[in-house]
Amino acid sequence: MDYSKMKSSIDRAILKSPLDVAAYDDKFALCRDYEGAEFRLAHEWNQALQEEIRAGLKLAVDTRDFKTAEEFDNLLFRSLLFCAPHYFDAYLQAVEYGKPLDKKFYLPRRHYLRRYVEGYQEVLEGKLDFLSISMPKRCGKSQLGINFTNMLSGKFPDRSTLMEGTGDDLVQSFYKGCLEYIQQPNDYHFYDIFPESKLVQTNADTKVINLLHKSRFPTVMCRSIDARQVGLSEATNLLYLDDCVEGREEAKNRQRLDDKWEVISGDIIGRAIEGTPIVICGTRYSLYDPIGHLQEEMRKQGKRCKIIETPALDPVTDESNDGYILLMDFSKYYDNIRHDKLMELFEKYVDDDTALWFLEKIVNNEKVDVSYMSDEEYESAMDDVFNSLEHEKVDKSLLTGKKFLRKHLNIGDQVAQDAGIAYPIPIDNYIKIVKGVKFYGRYMDDSYVIHKDKEFLKRLLTEIVEIAQDLGITVNIRKTRICKLSEMWRFLQIQYSLTDTGRVIHKIHPKRLTGMRRKAKKLVLILSEKDFDDWFRSWFNGHCHYMSKLQRSNMLDLCKKLKEEHYYGKTDFS
């Protein structure tokens, strides 16, 4: 059977009828059948199919074809189940499938957890002997370890995993976390993935779990590093070390760190039978903690190692790289700049009567005819959010000049641009001077505040909302959010993320590129070739360093194609 030829035929059918679930189902059946001959390629096809299914599902929802959407959803689950026993990323998606998004652990965090998941995958495939993960607290490291332990246990229930951590509370939490996925089949799909790995024994006192059958060395055993090790603990599946250091205070005590490393190196590491991979995961507070010692020891032994580090402390400043960012936006910003407040600002900073007279004339010219409003609406108009786009739809016969709204600026005017920069100065001063925030930035109506304390940012946002109300502008709560710096976040259409060294990576948001492609197709119809060239060069040169090589190539190709179609000439932008 020529599987590649059959796949190509099915791909053409999907392209022709993107809502034909049967074609996607045929491709899934092909992947399952092909697995025996070409395991890796079959699963690569299946993983690509999942993205195609998601696209079909979105299309079905967008067209309100909910019956087809449900069929796509069921097929996606089956496709994930097919991969789940072999790929950690698929397992994490499949085990929580069907839960509300806000109740899921993995999918909301997938964008920043993928690098760690890939490391675990290399352990699963036998490519690594040792994996070290250092990341700040509350980023999901323990939950990720729980899921990997469960996956290995389900896949190899006759082998043993030994988990070691600092303190009974951590160990108890890890033990209960493992059981949660196994003991709640209505909430999690562990048995759909590993139907034969049934739970046969638990013991809350000794914190052991046995799948398939009882064993002298249980499928999972959770122990405290400080507890006395006995002969009934060994690791043939995985030795997992979680948070070997209690916290910042213990990290400052060199003697305690040395004592803990003596226990780990002298006893715990020896519990891993030859060939058993070792994973250590925690928040690294010190150069002398067990994570560093174990990394060095594994390298000396010639083990295949991978080290993924997102430091809790900057090695130079000794300050934390962990923290939060508040991203803010104002609703219809230029439409709601009050003329009286703006003139007060101009009078404060402009020391020239002629200039002030001129500015007042310009600002007054921006007043908006709202004669169509009732007396009640007009009284509250200064406090309500004004939308000039909606105003344009008003019947012109209702604009009699009897009532004017003295707020709104034309965004294209130079005065409006200057006003847009200066108008929220009271907010700027409050954040920087009164609250003493070090990391704050604003561009027009978009701003950010970085701080290590999430609760501080919540309180600050409440205070900013009050100051904004006094200025007549409204914080857009829908676009305003607080997120971890370790996540991917967006500011001014650029996506930002932190590397394991603290370096900032910035990429252009895909929606921005989509919008610019649409804009290019419109502008090429109305601009001269020179004006189009100038516009494209200006935009491209300003954004190319945010784009990948493929994105740059695609934009250049689009420009070339549009010019050939509309100007019958060629320009090399490379």
Protein backbone atom coordinates (compact mmCIF):
# COMPACT_ATOMS: atom_id res chain seq x y z
CA MET A 1 0.00 0.00 0.00
CA ASP A 2 1.32 3.43 -0.97
CA TYR A 3 0.53 5.43 2.17
CA SER A 4 2.03 8.67 0.86
CA LYS A 5 -0.14 8.54 -2.25
CA MET A 6 -3.25 7.87 -0.15
CA LYS A 7 -2.35 10.74 2.18
CA SER A 8 -1.99 13.13 -0.78
CA SER A 9 -5.37 12.07 -2.09
CA ILE A 10 -7.01 12.67 1.31
CA ASP A 11 -5.24 16.04 1.65
CA ARG A 12 -6.78 17.13 -1.66
CA ALA A 13 -10.21 16.04 -0.44
CA ILE A 14 -9.80 18.06 2.78
CA LEU A 15 -8.67 21.10 0.82
CA LYS A 16 -11.69 20.78 -1.45
CA SER A 17 -14.20 20.20 1.38
CA PRO A 18 -12.77 21.57 4.66
CA LEU A 19 -15.95 20.69 6.59
CA ASP A 20 -16.04 17.05 5.45
CA VAL A 21 -15.20 15.28 8.73
CA ALA A 22 -15.13 11.91 6.96
CA ALA A 23 -11.99 12.94 5.03
CA TYR A 24 -10.20 13.87 8.26
CA ASP A 25 -11.37 10.57 9.77
CA ASP A 26 -9.91 8.70 6.79
CA LYS A 27 -6.57 10.42 7.33
CA PHE A 28 -6.63 9.46 11.00
CA ALA A 29 -7.36 5.83 10.10
CA LEU A 30 -4.43 5.97 7.65
CA CYS A 31 -2.12 7.19 10.43
CA ARG A 32 -3.22 4.37 12.73
CA ASP A 33 -2.69 1.79 10.02
CA TYR A 34 0.70 3.24 9.08
CA GLU A 35 2.00 3.18 12.66
CA GLY A 36 3.18 -0.42 12.43
CA ALA A 37 5.33 0.27 9.38
CA GLU A 38 6.63 3.79 10.11
CA PHE A 39 5.95 4.73 13.72
CA ARG A 40 7.53 8.18 13.81
CA LEU A 41 6.21 9.31 10.41
CA ALA A 42 2.70 8.06 11.22
CA HIS A 43 2.67 10.13 14.39
CA GLU A 44 4.10 13.16 12.61
CA TRP A 45 1.19 12.90 10.17
CA ASN A 46 -1.22 12.58 13.06
CA GLN A 47 0.19 15.62 14.86
CA ALA A 48 -0.16 17.66 11.66
CA LEU A 49 -3.70 16.32 11.34
CA GLN A 50 -4.55 17.72 14.76
CA GLU A 51 -3.87 21.25 13.54
CA GLU A 52 -6.02 20.59 10.48
CA ILE A 53 -8.83 19.32 12.72
CA ARG A 54 -8.56 22.43 14.90
CA ALA A 55 -8.85 24.61 11.77
CA GLY A 56 -11.90 22.62 10.65
CA LEU A 57 -13.42 22.90 14.12
CA LYS A 58 -12.98 26.68 14.11
CA LEU A 59 -14.52 26.92 10.65
CA ALA A 60 -17.50 24.85 11.77
CA VAL A 61 -18.03 27.06 14.82
CA ASP A 62 -17.64 30.24 12.76
CA THR A 63 -20.30 28.99 10.32
CA ARG A 64 -22.51 27.87 13.26
CA ASP A 65 -22.44 24.25 12.11
CA PHE A 66 -22.36 22.91 15.65
CA LYS A 67 -23.11 19.28 14.74
CA THR A 68 -20.01 19.19 12.53
CA ALA A 69 -18.06 21.04 15.22
CA GLU A 70 -18.92 18.29 17.70
CA GLU A 71 -17.73 15.65 15.23
CA PHE A 72 -14.43 17.53 14.81
CA ASP A 73 -14.10 17.75 18.59
CA ASN A 74 -14.56 14.00 19.02
CA LEU A 75 -12.05 13.28 16.26
CA LEU A 76 -9.48 15.60 17.83
CA PHE A 77 -9.80 13.74 21.12
CA ARG A 78 -9.29 10.38 19.38
CA SER A 79 -6.25 11.77 17.56
CA LEU A 80 -4.74 12.99 20.84
CA LEU A 81 -5.42 9.62 22.50
CA PHE A 82 -3.51 7.93 19.68
CA CYS A 83 -0.42 10.04 20.42
CA ALA A 84 -0.82 10.33 24.19
CA PRO A 85 1.00 7.12 25.26
CA HIS A 86 4.09 8.20 23.31
CA TYR A 87 4.22 12.02 23.37
CA PHE A 88 4.10 14.05 26.57
CA ASP A 89 2.55 17.11 24.93
CA ALA A 90 -0.33 15.01 23.54
CA TYR A 91 -0.72 13.26 26.90
CA LEU A 92 -1.08 16.58 28.73
CA GLN A 93 -3.78 17.70 26.29
CA ALA A 94 -5.61 14.37 26.23
CA VAL A 95 -5.73 13.71 29.97
CA GLU A 96 -7.60 17.00 30.57
CA TYR A 97 -9.66 16.97 27.38
CA GLY A 98 -13.18 18.29 27.79
CA LYS A 99 -12.55 20.28 30.97
CA PRO A 100 -13.36 24.01 30.92
CA LEU A 101 -10.33 26.04 29.87
CA ASP A 102 -10.09 27.82 33.23
CA LYS A 103 -9.98 24.42 34.99
CA LYS A 104 -7.16 23.02 32.84
CA PHE A 105 -3.55 23.05 33.91
CA TYR A 106 -1.73 22.64 30.62
CA LEU A 107 -3.41 24.38 27.70
CA PRO A 108 -3.47 27.91 29.25
CA ARG A 109 0.25 27.52 30.01
CA ARG A 110 1.29 25.50 26.97
CA HIS A 111 3.01 28.42 25.23
CA TYR A 112 5.65 28.75 27.94
CA LEU A 113 5.73 25.16 29.24
CA ARG A 114 6.52 23.61 25.83
CA ARG A 115 10.29 23.99 26.26
CA TYR A 116 10.12 21.97 29.49
CA VAL A 117 7.75 19.43 27.93
CA GLU A 118 10.24 18.89 25.11
CA GLY A 119 12.91 18.12 27.71
CA TYR A 120 10.67 15.55 29.36
CA GLN A 121 9.97 14.05 25.92
CA GLU A 122 13.69 13.43 25.42
CA VAL A 123 13.74 11.58 28.75
CA LEU A 124 10.75 9.52 27.64
CA GLU A 125 12.44 8.59 24.36
CA GLY A 126 15.63 7.52 26.15
CA LYS A 127 17.72 10.37 24.70
CA LEU A 128 18.65 11.80 28.12
CA ASP A 129 20.05 10.35 31.32
CA PHE A 130 19.62 13.56 33.26
CA LEU A 131 17.24 16.51 32.97
CA SER A 132 17.59 19.60 35.17
CA ILE A 133 14.79 22.19 35.24
CA SER A 134 15.19 25.40 37.21
CA MET A 135 12.25 27.81 37.14
CA PRO A 136 10.59 30.29 39.49
CA LYS A 137 7.84 29.25 41.87
CA ARG A 138 4.20 29.04 40.81
CA CYS A 139 5.03 28.36 37.17
CA GLY A 140 3.68 24.80 37.13
CA LYS A 141 6.90 22.80 37.59
CA SER A 142 5.52 20.39 40.23
CA GLN A 143 2.27 19.84 38.31
CA LEU A 144 4.32 19.10 35.20
CA GLY A 145 6.36 16.58 37.23
CA ILE A 146 3.16 14.96 38.52
CA ASN A 147 1.86 14.52 34.99
CA PHE A 148 5.16 13.08 33.71
CA THR A 149 5.29 10.64 36.64
CA ASN A 150 1.74 9.50 35.88
CA MET A 151 2.46 9.12 32.17
CA LEU A 152 5.55 6.98 32.81
CA SER A 153 3.61 4.96 35.40
CA GLY A 154 0.76 4.31 32.99
CA LYS A 155 3.14 3.37 30.20
CA PHE A 156 5.40 1.21 32.38
CA PRO A 157 3.33 0.16 35.44
CA ASP A 158 5.72 -2.69 36.28
CA ARG A 159 8.57 -0.23 36.88
CA SER A 160 9.08 2.03 39.89
CA THR A 161 9.34 5.81 40.19
CA LEU A 162 10.88 7.35 43.31
CA MET A 163 9.94 10.96 44.06
CA GLU A 164 12.00 12.89 46.60
CA GLY A 165 11.26 16.40 47.86
CA THR A 166 11.86 18.69 50.81
CA GLY A 167 9.21 18.58 53.52
CA ASP A 168 6.17 16.41 54.19
CA ASP A 169 3.75 19.00 52.78
CA LEU A 170 5.39 18.96 49.35
CA VAL A 171 5.62 15.18 49.26
CA GLN A 172 1.99 14.81 50.37
CA SER A 173 0.88 17.30 47.73
CA PHE A 174 2.77 15.42 45.01
CA TYR A 175 1.28 12.09 46.11
CA LYS A 176 -2.27 13.47 46.14
CA GLY A 177 -1.66 15.18 42.79
CA CYS A 178 -0.74 11.85 41.19
CA LEU A 179 -3.82 10.18 42.66
CA GLU A 180 -6.16 12.94 41.51
CA TYR A 181 -5.61 12.09 37.85
CA ILE A 182 -5.93 8.35 38.49
CA GLN A 183 -8.88 8.29 40.90
CA GLN A 184 -11.17 10.72 39.04
CA PRO A 185 -12.01 9.10 35.68
CA ASN A 186 -14.94 11.45 35.16
CA ASP A 187 -12.60 14.45 35.22
CA TYR A 188 -9.46 13.01 33.65
CA HIS A 189 -8.79 10.52 30.85
CA PHE A 190 -5.90 8.56 32.36
CA TYR A 191 -7.63 5.20 31.76
CA ASP A 192 -8.62 6.18 28.22
CA ILE A 193 -4.89 6.56 27.54
CA PHE A 194 -3.68 3.57 29.59
CA PRO A 195 -6.70 1.25 29.95
CA GLU A 196 -4.68 -1.67 31.36
CA SER A 197 -2.86 0.28 34.09
CA LYS A 198 -5.55 0.01 36.76
CA LEU A 199 -5.03 1.30 40.29
CA VAL A 200 -4.61 -1.66 42.69
CA GLN A 201 -3.05 -0.12 45.81
CA THR A 202 -2.56 3.21 47.61
CA ASN A 203 -1.17 4.00 51.03
CA ALA A 204 -1.42 7.52 52.40
CA ASP A 205 0.99 6.76 55.24
CA THR A 206 3.84 5.43 53.12
CA LYS A 207 2.71 7.45 50.07
CA VAL A 208 2.88 4.60 47.58
CA ILE A 209 0.82 3.89 44.47
CA ASN A 210 0.70 0.58 42.64
CA LEU A 211 -0.76 0.11 39.17
CA LEU A 212 -1.53 -3.23 37.50
CA HIS A 213 -0.31 -5.29 40.48
CA LYS A 214 1.21 -4.95 43.93
CA SER A 215 4.98 -4.87 44.02
CA ARG A 216 7.77 -4.75 46.57
CA PHE A 217 8.96 -1.63 44.77
CA PRO A 218 5.75 0.34 44.06
CA THR A 219 4.90 2.05 40.80
CA VAL A 220 5.22 5.40 42.60
CA MET A 221 6.77 6.14 45.97
CA CYS A 222 6.97 9.68 47.36
CA ARG A 223 9.52 10.38 50.10
CA SER A 224 10.96 13.38 51.91
CA ILE A 225 14.67 13.99 51.38
CA ASP A 226 15.05 14.42 55.11
CA ALA A 227 13.37 11.09 55.86
CA ARG A 228 15.42 8.03 56.53
CA GLN A 229 15.82 5.96 53.36
CA VAL A 230 15.07 2.26 53.62
CA GLY A 231 15.58 -0.67 51.31
CA LEU A 232 12.05 -0.59 49.92
CA SER A 233 12.73 2.46 47.77
CA GLU A 234 14.38 2.22 44.39
CA ALA A 235 13.86 3.74 40.96
CA THR A 236 13.75 1.72 37.76
CA ASN A 237 11.40 4.04 35.85
CA LEU A 238 12.41 7.51 37.07
CA LEU A 239 14.16 9.23 39.97
CA TYR A 240 12.39 12.57 40.38
CA LEU A 241 13.73 15.28 42.73
CA ASP A 242 11.41 18.22 43.37
CA ASP A 243 12.33 21.43 45.27
CA CYS A 244 15.36 20.16 47.15
CA VAL A 245 15.73 23.57 48.83
CA GLU A 246 12.88 24.87 50.99
CA GLY A 247 13.29 28.49 50.05
CA ARG A 248 15.39 31.61 50.08
CA GLU A 249 16.34 31.32 53.77
CA GLU A 250 17.73 27.81 53.46
CA ALA A 251 19.53 28.84 50.27
CA LYS A 252 21.46 31.47 52.26
CA ASN A 253 22.79 28.81 54.67
CA ARG A 254 25.80 27.21 52.98
CA GLN A 255 26.10 24.51 55.67
CA ARG A 256 22.50 23.37 55.23
CA LEU A 257 23.00 23.20 51.47
CA ASP A 258 26.13 21.10 51.89
CA ASP A 259 24.35 18.76 54.32
CA LYS A 260 21.45 18.30 51.93
CA TRP A 261 23.77 17.55 49.02
CA GLU A 262 25.52 14.93 51.17
CA VAL A 263 22.19 13.15 51.71
CA ILE A 264 21.26 13.35 48.02
CA SER A 265 24.64 12.23 46.68
CA GLY A 266 25.29 9.65 49.40
CA ASP A 267 21.95 7.87 49.44
CA ILE A 268 19.21 9.10 47.15
CA ILE A 269 21.10 9.06 43.85
CA GLY A 270 22.10 5.48 44.55
CA ARG A 271 18.40 4.52 44.54
CA ALA A 272 18.37 4.97 40.75
CA ILE A 273 19.16 1.60 39.17
CA GLU A 274 21.64 1.74 36.28
CA GLY A 275 19.98 3.17 33.21
CA THR A 276 17.21 4.97 35.14
CA PRO A 277 16.86 8.62 34.13
CA ILE A 278 17.10 11.33 36.80
CA VAL A 279 15.05 14.53 36.73
CA ILE A 280 15.64 17.34 39.19
CA CYS A 281 13.21 20.24 39.23
CA GLY A 282 13.08 23.28 41.46
CA THR A 283 13.63 26.97 42.01
CA ARG A 284 17.34 27.67 42.04
CA TYR A 285 18.28 30.24 44.66
CA SER A 286 22.00 29.61 44.98
CA LEU A 287 25.04 28.50 43.04
CA TYR A 288 25.67 25.95 45.78
CA ASP A 289 22.28 24.25 45.91
CA PRO A 290 21.82 20.55 44.97
CA ILE A 291 20.75 21.40 41.41
CA GLY A 292 24.20 22.83 40.65
CA HIS A 293 26.03 19.97 42.39
CA LEU A 294 24.01 17.33 40.56
CA GLN A 295 24.55 19.00 37.19
CA GLU A 296 28.30 18.92 37.78
CA GLU A 297 28.23 15.31 38.96
CA MET A 298 26.22 14.09 35.96
CA ARG A 299 28.61 15.82 33.56
CA LYS A 300 31.59 14.17 35.29
CA GLN A 301 29.98 10.78 34.81
CA GLY A 302 29.51 11.44 31.11
CA LYS A 303 25.73 11.31 31.29
CA ARG A 304 23.57 12.68 28.50
CA CYS A 305 22.39 15.90 30.13
CA LYS A 306 20.00 18.72 29.38
CA ILE A 307 19.74 21.82 31.56
CA ILE A 308 16.84 24.26 31.26
CA GLU A 309 17.14 27.29 33.53
CA THR A 310 14.89 30.23 34.25
CA PRO A 311 16.66 31.73 37.25
CA ALA A 312 14.79 32.90 40.31
CA LEU A 313 17.62 35.34 41.01
CA ASP A 314 19.63 37.39 38.56
CA PRO A 315 23.26 36.27 39.01
CA VAL A 316 24.52 39.88 38.74
CA THR A 317 21.96 41.95 40.63
CA ASP A 318 20.71 39.20 42.95
CA GLU A 319 17.20 40.37 42.13
CA SER A 320 14.35 38.14 41.06
CA ASN A 321 13.49 37.66 37.38
CA ASP A 322 10.11 36.37 38.47
CA GLY A 323 7.30 38.91 38.51
CA TYR A 324 4.20 40.27 36.82
CA ILE A 325 3.32 42.83 34.17
CA LEU A 326 0.22 45.01 34.09
CA LEU A 327 -0.80 45.82 30.52
CA MET A 328 -3.26 48.72 30.16
CA ASP A 329 -5.28 50.32 27.42
CA PHE A 330 -7.78 53.22 27.30
CA SER A 331 -11.15 52.91 25.55
CA LYS A 332 -11.48 55.23 22.51
CA TYR A 333 -8.63 57.32 23.84
CA TYR A 334 -8.55 60.26 21.41
CA ASP A 335 -12.34 60.43 21.29
CA ASN A 336 -12.47 61.06 25.04
CA ILE A 337 -9.73 63.62 25.69
CA ARG A 338 -11.56 66.47 27.41
CA HIS A 339 -10.85 69.93 26.03
CA ASP A 340 -11.02 71.64 29.44
CA LYS A 341 -8.53 69.22 31.01
CA LEU A 342 -6.27 69.46 27.95
CA MET A 343 -6.18 73.27 28.06
CA GLU A 344 -5.32 73.14 31.78
CA LEU A 345 -2.37 70.96 30.82
CA PHE A 346 -1.29 73.32 28.02
CA GLU A 347 -1.53 76.33 30.35
CA LYS A 348 0.68 74.55 32.85
CA TYR A 349 3.49 73.82 30.42
CA VAL A 350 3.19 76.39 27.58
CA ASP A 351 4.53 79.82 28.55
CA ASP A 352 3.40 81.80 25.51
CA ASP A 353 0.06 83.61 25.25
CA THR A 354 -0.02 83.54 21.45
CA ALA A 355 0.70 79.82 21.35
CA LEU A 356 -1.98 79.18 23.97
CA TRP A 357 -4.52 81.25 21.97
CA PHE A 358 -3.65 79.23 18.86
CA LEU A 359 -3.91 75.91 20.70
CA GLU A 360 -7.29 76.85 22.14
CA LYS A 361 -8.58 77.66 18.63
CA ILE A 362 -7.39 74.29 17.33
CA VAL A 363 -8.84 72.34 20.26
CA ASN A 364 -12.15 74.21 20.10
CA ASN A 365 -12.42 73.32 16.43
CA GLU A 366 -12.53 69.64 17.49
CA LYS A 367 -15.83 69.98 19.37
CA VAL A 368 -18.50 67.50 18.27
CA ASP A 369 -22.09 68.33 17.36
CA VAL A 370 -24.32 66.16 19.57
CA SER A 371 -27.61 67.99 19.07
CA TYR A 372 -29.34 64.63 18.60
CA MET A 373 -28.79 63.81 22.29
CA SER A 374 -31.52 64.23 24.85
CA ASP A 375 -30.90 66.59 27.76
CA GLU A 376 -30.24 63.62 30.03
CA GLU A 377 -27.78 62.04 27.58
CA TYR A 378 -26.01 65.36 27.10
CA GLU A 379 -25.58 65.86 30.86
CA SER A 380 -23.82 62.51 31.19
CA ALA A 381 -21.93 62.65 27.88
CA MET A 382 -18.71 63.96 29.43
CA ASP A 383 -18.57 60.94 31.73
CA ASP A 384 -19.63 58.35 29.16
CA VAL A 385 -17.31 56.78 26.57
CA PHE A 386 -17.72 58.64 23.26
CA ASN A 387 -17.21 56.73 19.99
CA SER A 388 -16.65 58.89 16.88
CA LEU A 389 -17.27 55.91 14.59
CA GLU A 390 -20.79 55.56 15.97
CA HIS A 391 -21.22 59.34 15.74
CA GLU A 392 -20.58 59.20 11.99
CA LYS A 393 -23.71 57.05 11.58
CA VAL A 394 -25.96 59.76 13.05
CA ASP A 395 -28.44 61.34 10.63
CA LYS A 396 -26.85 64.65 9.55
CA SER A 397 -30.22 66.38 9.71
CA LEU A 398 -30.11 65.96 13.50
CA LEU A 399 -26.86 67.92 13.79
CA THR A 400 -28.30 71.41 14.35
CA GLY A 401 -25.45 73.02 16.30
CA LYS A 402 -27.48 73.41 19.49
CA LYS A 403 -25.34 71.10 21.59
CA PHE A 404 -21.61 70.47 21.38
CA LEU A 405 -19.47 67.87 23.13
CA ARG A 406 -16.14 69.42 24.04
CA LYS A 407 -14.00 66.34 23.93
CA HIS A 408 -12.50 64.37 21.03
CA LEU A 409 -9.38 64.98 18.94
CA ASN A 410 -8.63 64.08 15.35
CA ILE A 411 -5.90 61.46 15.66
CA GLY A 412 -4.17 62.65 12.50
CA ASP A 413 -3.45 66.19 13.74
CA GLN A 414 -0.05 67.12 15.17
CA VAL A 415 -1.68 68.77 18.17
CA ALA A 416 -3.63 65.56 18.81
CA GLN A 417 -0.42 63.52 18.66
CA ASP A 418 1.30 65.81 21.16
CA ALA A 419 -1.79 65.81 23.36
CA GLY A 420 -1.95 62.01 23.22
CA ILE A 421 1.56 61.86 24.66
CA ALA A 422 1.02 64.47 27.37
CA TYR A 423 -2.60 64.03 28.48
CA PRO A 424 -2.10 61.14 30.98
CA ILE A 425 0.84 62.89 32.72
CA PRO A 426 -1.03 62.72 36.08
CA ILE A 427 -1.08 58.94 35.72
CA ASP A 428 2.60 58.84 34.75
CA ASN A 429 3.58 60.97 37.74
CA TYR A 430 1.48 58.94 40.15
CA ILE A 431 3.05 55.64 39.05
CA LYS A 432 6.65 56.87 38.87
CA ILE A 433 6.83 59.49 41.64
CA VAL A 434 4.10 58.68 44.17
CA LYS A 435 4.29 54.87 43.95
CA GLY A 436 7.97 54.76 43.04
CA VAL A 437 7.59 52.10 40.33
CA LYS A 438 10.87 51.46 38.55
CA PHE A 439 9.61 49.63 35.46
CA TYR A 440 6.87 51.64 33.74
CA GLY A 441 6.38 52.65 30.14
CA ARG A 442 3.67 54.23 28.00
CA TYR A 443 3.08 54.90 24.31
CA MET A 444 -0.02 57.06 23.84
CA ASP A 445 -2.86 55.00 25.35
CA ASP A 446 -0.91 51.75 25.75
CA SER A 447 1.15 51.28 28.89
CA TYR A 448 2.78 48.64 31.07
CA VAL A 449 3.89 48.33 34.70
CA ILE A 450 6.26 45.60 35.89
CA HIS A 451 6.40 44.56 39.53
CA LYS A 452 7.22 41.44 41.53
CA ASP A 453 3.98 41.64 43.54
CA LYS A 454 0.74 40.80 41.74
CA GLU A 455 -1.40 42.23 44.55
CA PHE A 456 0.48 45.54 44.28
CA LEU A 457 -0.43 45.73 40.58
CA LYS A 458 -4.09 44.98 41.34
CA ARG A 459 -4.23 47.83 43.86
CA LEU A 460 -2.34 50.13 41.47
CA LEU A 461 -4.82 49.41 38.69
CA THR A 462 -7.72 50.44 40.94
CA GLU A 463 -5.95 53.72 41.71
CA ILE A 464 -5.15 54.35 38.02
CA VAL A 465 -8.82 53.83 37.11
CA GLU A 466 -9.78 56.62 39.55
CA ILE A 467 -7.21 59.07 38.15
CA ALA A 468 -8.28 58.23 34.59
CA GLN A 469 -11.92 58.90 35.47
CA ASP A 470 -10.98 62.37 36.68
CA LEU A 471 -9.33 62.97 33.29
CA GLY A 472 -12.43 61.73 31.49
CA ILE A 473 -10.76 58.65 30.01
CA THR A 474 -11.72 55.04 30.72
CA VAL A 475 -9.44 52.07 31.30
CA ASN A 476 -10.45 49.30 28.88
CA ILE A 477 -10.83 46.41 31.29
CA ARG A 478 -11.30 43.94 28.43
CA LYS A 479 -7.83 44.74 27.09
CA THR A 480 -6.21 45.31 30.49
CA ARG A 481 -4.65 42.32 32.22
CA ILE A 482 -1.97 41.16 34.64
CA CYS A 483 0.18 38.22 33.63
CA LYS A 484 3.44 36.57 34.62
CA LEU A 485 6.63 37.78 32.99
CA SER A 486 7.44 34.13 32.32
CA GLU A 487 4.42 33.95 29.99
CA MET A 488 4.25 35.31 26.48
CA TRP A 489 2.64 38.75 26.48
CA ARG A 490 1.94 41.44 23.89
CA PHE A 491 2.62 45.16 23.85
CA LEU A 492 2.08 47.33 20.75
CA GLN A 493 1.53 44.27 18.52
CA ILE A 494 4.85 42.75 19.58
CA GLN A 495 5.00 39.47 21.53
CA TYR A 496 7.55 39.30 24.34
CA SER A 497 8.94 36.41 26.36
CA LEU A 498 11.91 35.77 28.66
CA THR A 499 14.65 33.25 27.95
CA ASP A 500 16.21 31.12 30.64
CA THR A 501 18.96 33.72 30.98
CA GLY A 502 16.56 36.63 31.39
CA ARG A 503 17.08 37.92 27.83
CA VAL A 504 13.95 39.38 26.25
CA ILE A 505 12.75 37.82 22.99
CA HIS A 506 10.37 39.86 20.89
CA LYS A 507 8.37 38.72 17.89
CA ILE A 508 5.74 40.42 15.81
CA HIS A 509 2.21 39.28 16.54
CA PRO A 510 0.81 37.11 13.69
CA LYS A 511 -2.40 39.18 13.60
CA ARG A 512 -0.27 42.25 12.89
CA LEU A 513 1.20 40.58 9.81
CA THR A 514 -2.25 39.48 8.65
CA GLY A 515 -3.49 43.06 8.99
CA MET A 516 -0.51 44.45 7.08
CA ARG A 517 -1.03 41.97 4.25
CA ARG A 518 -4.62 43.13 3.92
CA LYS A 519 -3.52 46.77 4.04
CA ALA A 520 -0.89 46.21 1.32
CA LYS A 521 -3.52 44.69 -0.97
CA LYS A 522 -5.70 47.79 -0.52
CA LEU A 523 -2.97 50.41 -0.79
CA VAL A 524 -1.50 48.99 -3.99
CA LEU A 525 -4.81 49.83 -5.68
CA ILE A 526 -4.76 53.53 -4.77
CA LEU A 527 -1.08 54.53 -4.44
CA SER A 528 1.50 55.24 -7.07
CA GLU A 529 4.35 52.78 -7.34
CA LYS A 530 6.74 55.17 -5.60
CA ASP A 531 4.32 55.88 -2.74
CA PHE A 532 3.66 52.16 -2.31
CA ASP A 533 7.41 51.48 -2.28
CA ASP A 534 7.96 54.19 0.32
CA TRP A 535 5.16 52.91 2.52
CA PHE A 536 6.30 49.30 2.34
CA ARG A 537 9.97 50.11 2.92
CA SER A 538 9.11 52.26 5.94
CA TRP A 539 6.97 49.55 7.52
CA PHE A 540 9.26 46.66 6.62
CA ASN A 541 12.47 48.31 7.86
CA GLY A 542 10.79 49.16 11.13
CA HIS A 543 9.51 45.64 11.76
CA CYS A 544 11.85 43.21 9.99
CA HIS A 545 13.97 42.59 13.11
CA TYR A 546 10.82 41.36 14.88
CA MET A 547 10.04 38.83 12.17
CA SER A 548 11.34 35.36 11.47
CA LYS A 549 13.22 34.61 8.28
CA LEU A 550 10.11 32.95 6.84
CA GLN A 551 7.87 35.90 7.78
CA ARG A 552 10.27 38.37 6.14
CA SER A 553 10.42 36.23 3.02
CA ASN A 554 6.62 35.94 2.82
CA MET A 555 6.12 39.71 3.15
CA LEU A 556 8.74 40.45 0.48
CA ASP A 557 7.16 37.87 -1.82
CA LEU A 558 3.74 39.47 -1.33
CA CYS A 559 5.09 42.93 -2.13
CA LYS A 560 6.81 41.64 -5.25
CA LYS A 561 3.65 39.87 -6.42
CA LEU A 562 1.45 42.93 -5.85
CA LYS A 563 3.85 45.19 -7.73
CA GLU A 564 4.03 42.79 -10.65
CA GLU A 565 0.24 42.61 -10.83
CA HIS A 566 -0.47 46.33 -10.55
CA TYR A 567 2.63 48.19 -11.77
CA TYR A 568 4.21 45.59 -14.08
CA GLY A 569 7.59 46.23 -12.55
CA LYS A 570 9.89 44.62 -10.05
CA THR A 571 11.69 46.00 -7.02
CA ASP A 572 14.17 44.07 -4.91
CA PHE A 573 13.62 44.78 -1.20
CA SER A 574 16.05 42.18 0.07
